[in-house]
Full PDB file with SEQRES, HELIX, SHEET, SSBOND, CRYST1, ORIGX, SCALE, CONECT and MASTER records, all heavy atoms in Angstrom:
SEQRES   1 A   37  CYS ALA VAL SER ALA ALA ALA GLN LEU SER PRO ALA VAL          
SEQRES   2 A   37  ASP PHE ALA ASP LEU ASP GLY ASN LEU LEU ILE THR ASN          
SEQRES   3 A   37  ASP LEU PHE LYS GLY MET GLU VAL VAL ASP GLY                  
HELIX    1 AA1 ALA A    2  ALA A    7  1                                   6    
HELIX    2 AA2 SER A   10  ALA A   12  5                                   3    
HELIX    3 AA3 GLY A   20  LEU A   23  5                                   4    
CRYST1    1.000    1.000    1.000  90.00  90.00  90.00 P 1           1          
ORIGX1      1.000000  0.000000  0.000000        0.00000                         
ORIGX2      0.000000  1.000000  0.000000        0.00000                         
ORIGX3      0.000000  0.000000  1.000000        0.00000                         
SCALE1      1.000000  0.000000  0.000000        0.00000                         
SCALE2      0.000000  1.000000  0.000000        0.00000                         
SCALE3      0.000000  0.000000  1.000000        0.00000                         
ATOM      1  N   CYS A   1      -1.807  -4.011  -6.477  1.00  0.00           N  
ATOM      2  CA  CYS A   1      -0.769  -4.953  -6.875  1.00  0.00           C  
ATOM      3  C   CYS A   1       0.609  -4.396  -6.552  1.00  0.00           C  
ATOM      4  O   CYS A   1       1.345  -4.950  -5.725  1.00  0.00           O  
ATOM      5  CB  CYS A   1      -0.902  -5.267  -8.363  1.00  0.00           C  
ATOM      6  SG  CYS A   1       0.384  -6.365  -9.007  1.00  0.00           S  
ATOM      7  N   ALA A   2       0.998  -3.298  -7.201  1.00  0.00           N  
ATOM      8  CA  ALA A   2       2.334  -2.737  -6.985  1.00  0.00           C  
ATOM      9  C   ALA A   2       2.487  -2.173  -5.579  1.00  0.00           C  
ATOM     10  O   ALA A   2       3.561  -2.256  -4.976  1.00  0.00           O  
ATOM     11  CB  ALA A   2       2.628  -1.664  -8.026  1.00  0.00           C  
ATOM     12  N   VAL A   3       1.420  -1.590  -5.019  1.00  0.00           N  
ATOM     13  CA  VAL A   3       1.494  -1.045  -3.660  1.00  0.00           C  
ATOM     14  C   VAL A   3       1.748  -2.167  -2.655  1.00  0.00           C  
ATOM     15  O   VAL A   3       2.563  -2.028  -1.736  1.00  0.00           O  
ATOM     16  CB  VAL A   3       0.212  -0.273  -3.314  1.00  0.00           C  
ATOM     17  CG1 VAL A   3       0.190   0.097  -1.833  1.00  0.00           C  
ATOM     18  CG2 VAL A   3       0.110   0.988  -4.158  1.00  0.00           C  
ATOM     19  N   SER A   4       1.079  -3.299  -2.825  1.00  0.00           N  
ATOM     20  CA  SER A   4       1.269  -4.426  -1.906  1.00  0.00           C  
ATOM     21  C   SER A   4       2.659  -5.028  -2.052  1.00  0.00           C  
ATOM     22  O   SER A   4       3.233  -5.520  -1.075  1.00  0.00           O  
ATOM     23  CB  SER A   4       0.203  -5.494  -2.156  1.00  0.00           C  
ATOM     24  OG  SER A   4      -1.081  -4.987  -1.891  1.00  0.00           O  
ATOM     25  N   ALA A   5       3.194  -5.002  -3.271  1.00  0.00           N  
ATOM     26  CA  ALA A   5       4.568  -5.465  -3.475  1.00  0.00           C  
ATOM     27  C   ALA A   5       5.539  -4.590  -2.688  1.00  0.00           C  
ATOM     28  O   ALA A   5       6.421  -5.093  -1.985  1.00  0.00           O  
ATOM     29  CB  ALA A   5       4.901  -5.455  -4.962  1.00  0.00           C  
ATOM     30  N   ALA A   6       5.374  -3.273  -2.800  1.00  0.00           N  
ATOM     31  CA  ALA A   6       6.240  -2.361  -2.054  1.00  0.00           C  
ATOM     32  C   ALA A   6       6.064  -2.518  -0.556  1.00  0.00           C  
ATOM     33  O   ALA A   6       7.021  -2.407   0.218  1.00  0.00           O  
ATOM     34  CB  ALA A   6       5.955  -0.922  -2.473  1.00  0.00           C  
ATOM     35  N   ALA A   7       4.839  -2.794  -0.128  1.00  0.00           N  
ATOM     36  CA  ALA A   7       4.547  -2.917   1.304  1.00  0.00           C  
ATOM     37  C   ALA A   7       5.285  -4.087   1.941  1.00  0.00           C  
ATOM     38  O   ALA A   7       5.507  -4.085   3.161  1.00  0.00           O  
ATOM     39  CB  ALA A   7       3.045  -3.081   1.523  1.00  0.00           C  
ATOM     40  N   GLN A   8       5.689  -5.066   1.158  1.00  0.00           N  
ATOM     41  CA  GLN A   8       6.432  -6.197   1.718  1.00  0.00           C  
ATOM     42  C   GLN A   8       7.745  -5.739   2.355  1.00  0.00           C  
ATOM     43  O   GLN A   8       8.249  -6.370   3.278  1.00  0.00           O  
ATOM     44  CB  GLN A   8       6.711  -7.241   0.626  1.00  0.00           C  
ATOM     45  CG  GLN A   8       5.482  -7.812  -0.045  1.00  0.00           C  
ATOM     46  CD  GLN A   8       4.554  -8.523   0.915  1.00  0.00           C  
ATOM     47  OE1 GLN A   8       4.976  -9.392   1.682  1.00  0.00           O  
ATOM     48  NE2 GLN A   8       3.277  -8.163   0.880  1.00  0.00           N  
ATOM     49  N   LEU A   9       8.284  -4.615   1.879  1.00  0.00           N  
ATOM     50  CA  LEU A   9       9.532  -4.082   2.436  1.00  0.00           C  
ATOM     51  C   LEU A   9       9.305  -3.129   3.598  1.00  0.00           C  
ATOM     52  O   LEU A   9      10.259  -2.714   4.262  1.00  0.00           O  
ATOM     53  CB  LEU A   9      10.326  -3.338   1.359  1.00  0.00           C  
ATOM     54  CG  LEU A   9      10.837  -4.132   0.174  1.00  0.00           C  
ATOM     55  CD1 LEU A   9       9.948  -3.934  -1.050  1.00  0.00           C  
ATOM     56  CD2 LEU A   9      12.263  -3.740  -0.180  1.00  0.00           C  
ATOM     57  N   SER A  10       8.063  -2.753   3.850  1.00  0.00           N  
ATOM     58  CA  SER A  10       7.788  -1.649   4.769  1.00  0.00           C  
ATOM     59  C   SER A  10       8.277  -1.867   6.200  1.00  0.00           C  
ATOM     60  O   SER A  10       8.641  -0.885   6.859  1.00  0.00           O  
ATOM     61  CB  SER A  10       6.291  -1.319   4.767  1.00  0.00           C  
ATOM     62  OG  SER A  10       5.519  -2.392   5.247  1.00  0.00           O  
ATOM     63  N   PRO A  11       8.313  -3.099   6.745  1.00  0.00           N  
ATOM     64  CA  PRO A  11       8.835  -3.226   8.112  1.00  0.00           C  
ATOM     65  C   PRO A  11      10.311  -2.852   8.249  1.00  0.00           C  
ATOM     66  O   PRO A  11      10.805  -2.719   9.370  1.00  0.00           O  
ATOM     67  CB  PRO A  11       8.616  -4.712   8.432  1.00  0.00           C  
ATOM     68  CG  PRO A  11       7.502  -5.143   7.529  1.00  0.00           C  
ATOM     69  CD  PRO A  11       7.739  -4.373   6.273  1.00  0.00           C  
ATOM     70  N   ALA A  12      11.005  -2.678   7.114  1.00  0.00           N  
ATOM     71  CA  ALA A  12      12.436  -2.387   7.157  1.00  0.00           C  
ATOM     72  C   ALA A  12      12.755  -0.914   6.962  1.00  0.00           C  
ATOM     73  O   ALA A  12      13.939  -0.555   6.895  1.00  0.00           O  
ATOM     74  CB  ALA A  12      13.156  -3.202   6.082  1.00  0.00           C  
ATOM     75  N   VAL A  13      11.731  -0.028   6.882  1.00  0.00           N  
ATOM     76  CA  VAL A  13      12.000   1.370   6.529  1.00  0.00           C  
ATOM     77  C   VAL A  13      11.585   2.328   7.638  1.00  0.00           C  
ATOM     78  O   VAL A  13      10.896   1.952   8.589  1.00  0.00           O  
ATOM     79  CB  VAL A  13      11.279   1.747   5.209  1.00  0.00           C  
ATOM     80  CG1 VAL A  13      11.650   0.767   4.107  1.00  0.00           C  
ATOM     81  CG2 VAL A  13       9.769   1.810   5.378  1.00  0.00           C  
ATOM     82  N   ASP A  14      11.995   3.600   7.479  1.00  0.00           N  
ATOM     83  CA  ASP A  14      11.670   4.641   8.455  1.00  0.00           C  
ATOM     84  C   ASP A  14      10.344   5.330   8.136  1.00  0.00           C  
ATOM     85  O   ASP A  14       9.580   5.670   9.036  1.00  0.00           O  
ATOM     86  CB  ASP A  14      12.783   5.702   8.481  1.00  0.00           C  
ATOM     87  CG  ASP A  14      14.131   5.113   8.838  1.00  0.00           C  
ATOM     88  OD1 ASP A  14      14.307   4.717  10.000  1.00  0.00           O  
ATOM     89  OD2 ASP A  14      15.000   5.029   7.952  1.00  0.00           O  
ATOM     90  N   PHE A  15      10.091   5.571   6.862  1.00  0.00           N  
ATOM     91  CA  PHE A  15       8.866   6.222   6.413  1.00  0.00           C  
ATOM     92  C   PHE A  15       8.277   5.433   5.258  1.00  0.00           C  
ATOM     93  O   PHE A  15       9.014   4.818   4.480  1.00  0.00           O  
ATOM     94  CB  PHE A  15       9.131   7.658   5.933  1.00  0.00           C  
ATOM     95  CG  PHE A  15       9.504   8.626   7.009  1.00  0.00           C  
ATOM     96  CD1 PHE A  15      10.833   8.903   7.281  1.00  0.00           C  
ATOM     97  CD2 PHE A  15       8.528   9.288   7.744  1.00  0.00           C  
ATOM     98  CE1 PHE A  15      11.194   9.802   8.270  1.00  0.00           C  
ATOM     99  CE2 PHE A  15       8.876  10.199   8.737  1.00  0.00           C  
ATOM    100  CZ  PHE A  15      10.202  10.453   8.999  1.00  0.00           C  
ATOM    101  N   ALA A  16       6.953   5.470   5.152  1.00  0.00           N  
ATOM    102  CA  ALA A  16       6.273   4.826   4.027  1.00  0.00           C  
ATOM    103  C   ALA A  16       5.264   5.793   3.425  1.00  0.00           C  
ATOM    104  O   ALA A  16       4.559   6.501   4.144  1.00  0.00           O  
ATOM    105  CB  ALA A  16       5.567   3.551   4.484  1.00  0.00           C  
ATOM    106  N   ASP A  17       5.237   5.806   2.108  1.00  0.00           N  
ATOM    107  CA  ASP A  17       4.241   6.591   1.375  1.00  0.00           C  
ATOM    108  C   ASP A  17       3.566   5.642   0.387  1.00  0.00           C  
ATOM    109  O   ASP A  17       3.867   5.641  -0.806  1.00  0.00           O  
ATOM    110  CB  ASP A  17       4.922   7.755   0.651  1.00  0.00           C  
ATOM    111  CG  ASP A  17       3.932   8.585  -0.153  1.00  0.00           C  
ATOM    112  OD1 ASP A  17       2.768   8.665   0.250  1.00  0.00           O  
ATOM    113  OD2 ASP A  17       4.331   9.141  -1.196  1.00  0.00           O  
ATOM    114  N   LEU A  18       2.683   4.804   0.901  1.00  0.00           N  
ATOM    115  CA  LEU A  18       2.058   3.751   0.113  1.00  0.00           C  
ATOM    116  C   LEU A  18       0.548   3.966   0.065  1.00  0.00           C  
ATOM    117  O   LEU A  18      -0.238   3.210   0.640  1.00  0.00           O  
ATOM    118  CB  LEU A  18       2.398   2.377   0.693  1.00  0.00           C  
ATOM    119  CG  LEU A  18       3.893   2.019   0.678  1.00  0.00           C  
ATOM    120  CD1 LEU A  18       4.127   0.647   1.276  1.00  0.00           C  
ATOM    121  CD2 LEU A  18       4.479   2.097  -0.737  1.00  0.00           C  
ATOM    122  N   ASP A  19       0.184   5.029  -0.645  1.00  0.00           N  
ATOM    123  CA  ASP A  19      -1.242   5.366  -0.747  1.00  0.00           C  
ATOM    124  C   ASP A  19      -1.735   5.378  -2.183  1.00  0.00           C  
ATOM    125  O   ASP A  19      -2.856   5.802  -2.461  1.00  0.00           O  
ATOM    126  CB  ASP A  19      -1.498   6.748  -0.117  1.00  0.00           C  
ATOM    127  CG  ASP A  19      -0.759   7.872  -0.853  1.00  0.00           C  
ATOM    128  OD1 ASP A  19       0.127   7.572  -1.683  1.00  0.00           O  
ATOM    129  OD2 ASP A  19      -1.056   9.047  -0.586  1.00  0.00           O  
ATOM    130  N   GLY A  20      -0.908   4.915  -3.126  1.00  0.00           N  
ATOM    131  CA  GLY A  20      -1.266   5.006  -4.535  1.00  0.00           C  
ATOM    132  C   GLY A  20      -2.570   4.330  -4.881  1.00  0.00           C  
ATOM    133  O   GLY A  20      -3.340   4.817  -5.718  1.00  0.00           O  
ATOM    134  N   ASN A  21      -2.850   3.197  -4.232  1.00  0.00           N  
ATOM    135  CA  ASN A  21      -4.103   2.481  -4.493  1.00  0.00           C  
ATOM    136  C   ASN A  21      -5.306   3.214  -3.899  1.00  0.00           C  
ATOM    137  O   ASN A  21      -6.441   3.026  -4.368  1.00  0.00           O  
ATOM    138  CB  ASN A  21      -4.025   1.064  -3.942  1.00  0.00           C  
ATOM    139  CG  ASN A  21      -3.712   1.020  -2.452  1.00  0.00           C  
ATOM    140  OD1 ASN A  21      -3.031   1.900  -1.924  1.00  0.00           O  
ATOM    141  ND2 ASN A  21      -4.195   0.003  -1.762  1.00  0.00           N  
ATOM    142  N   LEU A  22      -5.071   4.037  -2.901  1.00  0.00           N  
ATOM    143  CA  LEU A  22      -6.169   4.766  -2.267  1.00  0.00           C  
ATOM    144  C   LEU A  22      -6.563   6.003  -3.062  1.00  0.00           C  
ATOM    145  O   LEU A  22      -7.609   6.603  -2.791  1.00  0.00           O  
ATOM    146  CB  LEU A  22      -5.768   5.177  -0.849  1.00  0.00           C  
ATOM    147  CG  LEU A  22      -5.305   4.044   0.073  1.00  0.00           C  
ATOM    148  CD1 LEU A  22      -4.871   4.601   1.412  1.00  0.00           C  
ATOM    149  CD2 LEU A  22      -6.393   2.996   0.244  1.00  0.00           C  
ATOM    150  N   LEU A  23      -5.731   6.383  -4.026  1.00  0.00           N  
ATOM    151  CA  LEU A  23      -5.983   7.581  -4.827  1.00  0.00           C  
ATOM    152  C   LEU A  23      -6.772   7.290  -6.095  1.00  0.00           C  
ATOM    153  O   LEU A  23      -7.102   8.206  -6.840  1.00  0.00           O  
ATOM    154  CB  LEU A  23      -4.652   8.246  -5.198  1.00  0.00           C  
ATOM    155  CG  LEU A  23      -3.743   8.665  -4.048  1.00  0.00           C  
ATOM    156  CD1 LEU A  23      -2.422   9.209  -4.583  1.00  0.00           C  
ATOM    157  CD2 LEU A  23      -4.414   9.698  -3.157  1.00  0.00           C  
ATOM    158  N   ILE A  24      -7.078   5.994  -6.354  1.00  0.00           N  
ATOM    159  CA  ILE A  24      -7.763   5.631  -7.587  1.00  0.00           C  
ATOM    160  C   ILE A  24      -9.152   5.056  -7.304  1.00  0.00           C  
ATOM    161  O   ILE A  24      -9.457   4.640  -6.181  1.00  0.00           O  
ATOM    162  CB  ILE A  24      -6.944   4.629  -8.418  1.00  0.00           C  
ATOM    163  CG1 ILE A  24      -6.782   3.298  -7.665  1.00  0.00           C  
ATOM    164  CG2 ILE A  24      -5.578   5.213  -8.762  1.00  0.00           C  
ATOM    165  CD1 ILE A  24      -6.134   2.206  -8.493  1.00  0.00           C  
ATOM    166  N   THR A  25      -9.974   5.024  -8.350  1.00  0.00           N  
ATOM    167  CA  THR A  25     -11.353   4.533  -8.220  1.00  0.00           C  
ATOM    168  C   THR A  25     -11.549   3.161  -8.841  1.00  0.00           C  
ATOM    169  O   THR A  25     -12.631   2.568  -8.682  1.00  0.00           O  
ATOM    170  CB  THR A  25     -12.338   5.502  -8.898  1.00  0.00           C  
ATOM    171  OG1 THR A  25     -12.031   5.588 -10.298  1.00  0.00           O  
ATOM    172  CG2 THR A  25     -12.255   6.886  -8.273  1.00  0.00           C  
ATOM    173  N   ASN A  26     -10.565   2.630  -9.542  1.00  0.00           N  
ATOM    174  CA  ASN A  26     -10.764   1.379 -10.287  1.00  0.00           C  
ATOM    175  C   ASN A  26      -9.691   0.347  -9.972  1.00  0.00           C  
ATOM    176  O   ASN A  26      -9.063  -0.230 -10.871  1.00  0.00           O  
ATOM    177  CB  ASN A  26     -10.824   1.650 -11.791  1.00  0.00           C  
ATOM    178  CG  ASN A  26      -9.563   2.332 -12.337  1.00  0.00           C  
ATOM    179  OD1 ASN A  26      -8.832   2.983 -11.599  1.00  0.00           O  
ATOM    180  ND2 ASN A  26      -9.326   2.168 -13.631  1.00  0.00           N  
ATOM    181  N   ASP A  27      -9.464   0.101  -8.690  1.00  0.00           N  
ATOM    182  CA  ASP A  27      -8.514  -0.926  -8.273  1.00  0.00           C  
ATOM    183  C   ASP A  27      -8.994  -2.294  -8.755  1.00  0.00           C  
ATOM    184  O   ASP A  27     -10.196  -2.565  -8.815  1.00  0.00           O  
ATOM    185  CB  ASP A  27      -8.370  -0.921  -6.747  1.00  0.00           C  
ATOM    186  CG  ASP A  27      -7.048  -1.506  -6.270  1.00  0.00           C  
ATOM    187  OD1 ASP A  27      -6.345  -2.137  -7.077  1.00  0.00           O  
ATOM    188  OD2 ASP A  27      -6.716  -1.317  -5.084  1.00  0.00           O  
ATOM    189  N   LEU A  28      -8.051  -3.165  -9.075  1.00  0.00           N  
ATOM    190  CA  LEU A  28      -8.362  -4.524  -9.530  1.00  0.00           C  
ATOM    191  C   LEU A  28      -8.208  -5.558  -8.424  1.00  0.00           C  
ATOM    192  O   LEU A  28      -8.646  -6.698  -8.586  1.00  0.00           O  
ATOM    193  CB  LEU A  28      -7.429  -4.909 -10.682  1.00  0.00           C  
ATOM    194  CG  LEU A  28      -7.669  -4.222 -12.019  1.00  0.00           C  
ATOM    195  CD1 LEU A  28      -6.435  -4.337 -12.887  1.00  0.00           C  
ATOM    196  CD2 LEU A  28      -8.876  -4.823 -12.708  1.00  0.00           C  
ATOM    197  N   PHE A  29      -7.556  -5.176  -7.333  1.00  0.00           N  
ATOM    198  CA  PHE A  29      -7.158  -6.132  -6.315  1.00  0.00           C  
ATOM    199  C   PHE A  29      -7.497  -5.634  -4.909  1.00  0.00           C  
ATOM    200  O   PHE A  29      -7.668  -4.439  -4.678  1.00  0.00           O  
ATOM    201  CB  PHE A  29      -5.644  -6.371  -6.363  1.00  0.00           C  
ATOM    202  CG  PHE A  29      -5.112  -6.804  -7.685  1.00  0.00           C  
ATOM    203  CD1 PHE A  29      -4.649  -5.862  -8.605  1.00  0.00           C  
ATOM    204  CD2 PHE A  29      -5.056  -8.140  -8.027  1.00  0.00           C  
ATOM    205  CE1 PHE A  29      -4.141  -6.250  -9.830  1.00  0.00           C  
ATOM    206  CE2 PHE A  29      -4.550  -8.539  -9.251  1.00  0.00           C  
ATOM    207  CZ  PHE A  29      -4.095  -7.593 -10.160  1.00  0.00           C  
ATOM    208  N   LYS A  30      -7.531  -6.581  -3.998  1.00  0.00           N  
ATOM    209  CA  LYS A  30      -7.467  -6.266  -2.576  1.00  0.00           C  
ATOM    210  C   LYS A  30      -6.114  -6.770  -2.088  1.00  0.00           C  
ATOM    211  O   LYS A  30      -5.738  -7.919  -2.322  1.00  0.00           O  
ATOM    212  CB  LYS A  30      -8.583  -6.964  -1.798  1.00  0.00           C  
ATOM    213  CG  LYS A  30      -8.527  -6.684  -0.299  1.00  0.00           C  
ATOM    214  CD  LYS A  30      -9.639  -7.409   0.450  1.00  0.00           C  
ATOM    215  CE  LYS A  30      -9.539  -7.147   1.958  1.00  0.00           C  
ATOM    216  NZ  LYS A  30     -10.592  -7.871   2.719  1.00  0.00           N  
ATOM    217  N   GLY A  31      -5.375  -5.894  -1.432  1.00  0.00           N  
ATOM    218  CA  GLY A  31      -4.044  -6.279  -0.985  1.00  0.00           C  
ATOM    219  C   GLY A  31      -3.710  -5.623   0.338  1.00  0.00           C  
ATOM    220  O   GLY A  31      -4.482  -5.708   1.297  1.00  0.00           O  
ATOM    221  N   MET A  32      -2.567  -4.938   0.389  1.00  0.00           N  
ATOM    222  CA  MET A  32      -2.155  -4.237   1.602  1.00  0.00           C  
ATOM    223  C   MET A  32      -3.269  -3.303   2.073  1.00  0.00           C  
ATOM    224  O   MET A  32      -3.875  -2.597   1.291  1.00  0.00           O  
ATOM    225  CB  MET A  32      -0.888  -3.429   1.310  1.00  0.00           C  
ATOM    226  CG  MET A  32      -0.320  -2.680   2.507  1.00  0.00           C  
ATOM    227  SD  MET A  32      -1.056  -1.037   2.810  1.00  0.00           S  
ATOM    228  CE  MET A  32      -0.393  -0.074   1.475  1.00  0.00           C  
ATOM    229  N   GLU A  33      -3.526  -3.307   3.374  1.00  0.00           N  
ATOM    230  CA  GLU A  33      -4.558  -2.450   3.933  1.00  0.00           C  
ATOM    231  C   GLU A  33      -3.949  -1.454   4.910  1.00  0.00           C  
ATOM    232  O   GLU A  33      -2.837  -1.652   5.413  1.00  0.00           O  
ATOM    233  CB  GLU A  33      -5.631  -3.285   4.639  1.00  0.00           C  
ATOM    234  CG  GLU A  33      -6.391  -4.207   3.695  1.00  0.00           C  
ATOM    235  CD  GLU A  33      -7.518  -4.941   4.406  1.00  0.00           C  
ATOM    236  OE1 GLU A  33      -7.314  -5.356   5.572  1.00  0.00           O  
ATOM    237  OE2 GLU A  33      -8.590  -5.093   3.807  1.00  0.00           O  
ATOM    238  N   VAL A  34      -4.673  -0.386   5.141  1.00  0.00           N  
ATOM    239  CA  VAL A  34      -4.286   0.600   6.146  1.00  0.00           C  
ATOM    240  C   VAL A  34      -5.282   0.500   7.294  1.00  0.00           C  
ATOM    241  O   VAL A  34      -6.480   0.715   7.105  1.00  0.00           O  
ATOM    242  CB  VAL A  34      -4.276   2.022   5.561  1.00  0.00           C  
ATOM    243  CG1 VAL A  34      -3.911   3.039   6.645  1.00  0.00           C  
ATOM    244  CG2 VAL A  34      -3.286   2.109   4.399  1.00  0.00           C  
ATOM    245  N   VAL A  35      -4.801   0.151   8.471  1.00  0.00           N  
ATOM    246  CA  VAL A  35      -5.641  -0.032   9.655  1.00  0.00           C  
ATOM    247  C   VAL A  35      -5.174   0.942  10.718  1.00  0.00           C  
ATOM    248  O   VAL A  35      -4.014   0.896  11.148  1.00  0.00           O  
ATOM    249  CB  VAL A  35      -5.567  -1.482  10.176  1.00  0.00           C  
ATOM    250  CG1 VAL A  35      -6.423  -1.632  11.433  1.00  0.00           C  
ATOM    251  CG2 VAL A  35      -6.006  -2.461   9.098  1.00  0.00           C  
ATOM    252  N   ASP A  36      -6.055   1.839  11.110  1.00  0.00           N  
ATOM    253  CA  ASP A  36      -5.703   2.886  12.078  1.00  0.00           C  
ATOM    254  C   ASP A  36      -4.453   3.647  11.629  1.00  0.00           C  
ATOM    255  O   ASP A  36      -3.590   4.002  12.431  1.00  0.00           O  
ATOM    256  CB  ASP A  36      -5.482   2.288  13.473  1.00  0.00           C  
ATOM    257  CG  ASP A  36      -6.752   1.671  14.049  1.00  0.00           C  
ATOM    258  OD1 ASP A  36      -7.842   2.182  13.743  1.00  0.00           O  
ATOM    259  OD2 ASP A  36      -6.643   0.676  14.781  1.00  0.00           O  
ATOM    260  N   GLY A  37      -4.371   3.876  10.332  1.00  0.00           N  
ATOM    261  CA  GLY A  37      -3.282   4.659   9.776  1.00  0.00           C  
ATOM    262  C   GLY A  37      -2.001   3.892   9.498  1.00  0.00           C  
ATOM    263  O   GLY A  37      -1.087   4.428   8.874  1.00  0.00           O  
TER     264      GLY A  37                                                      
MASTER        0    0    0    3    0    0    0    6  263    1    0    3          
END                                                                             
């Protein structure tokens, strides 16, 4: 949820650190994905 919200801004930035959902085992949602990094 929150990671996908932040990802909406990602095309406007130099670096992104949006891995918080990947560090947990009990996500509630499917949202922003990482494809080929």
